[in-house]
Amino acid sequence: MINLAQNSRECQEERLKIKTLSQQMQNIAIHGTGLSPWEAGVLVETIEQVYFADPALRQASEGQLRYSCVAINEPAGKPIKECRMVTVLLTLFDPKDRGQLGYRGKQASIALRQKEIVVATRGQVRDIGPGVTHRGIAVRLWLEGKEPVEIARHINHSIAAVENYLEKFKRVAYLRRKSFDDYQSALTIGISVAAVKTFVELYKQYQHKPFFKQRIDEIELVGSQYYMAQDEKKGSISSNGPTARDCVT
């Protein structure tokens, strides 16, 4: 009886796979043109990549739904009604997931976080709301010895954005070494106090680690050059704290 139930469930799963649009197209290619299953699979994958890369044009597969949402490059603080909207395809159920069900059990988001994989939501990219942000992960990886190109690839983010995170961290670290508090640093650099606190926490966590010593020279160079330039433009960077000229050693 157990074997019969097992076979029945496997047959149902197999029928679900056959019913998918991709499988239908692959079967047509195999029986209509004589392609091998491998060749037909490559053909179907190529067609999907070339002709259906735009979610607005791509037909939703079984288990997917079309959803209108705010474009990921819209900045934080902008009213939703003024934001550019885009159409995306969300996969609610992937037939491949069925094979993982039952013996992996762990929530996908938790499993991804444990592997330091961050889903590129708008909140993560724009640092909106709570949770681990791209900037925190980018800085931590840099302090551990990785370079911007490798970091960008790891967090699925642009190199320009990663470099921006690192530059701001270096400025915060530089001011921290000059006894600026969180509020003075935020005012001086032009970022939120929350962002400063994130960077300061990383600074404290890594300042005694071996590789951090190799980053000090870069932090000092970027910090001193930036604030010397600010002094030349404005005369001082903050009326409520030490001047930039006081910070340069």
Foldseek 3Di string as FASTA:
>chain_A
DVVVVVVVVVVVLVVVVCPKPLNVQLVCCCVVVVDDSVVSNVVSVVCCVPPVVAQVRHDAIPQKDKDKDFDLPDAPPDDRVPGDIGIHIDRRDDSVCVVVPPPPPDDPCVVCVVVVADDSDSCQLNVNDDDDHLLLQLCLVVLVPDDLVVSCVRHVHDSVSSVVSNLLLLQLLLVVVVVDDLVRSCQLVVHDSVSSVSSVVSCVVRVPPPSNVVCNVVSLVSNLVVQVVVCVVPVARDPVDDGSVVSRD
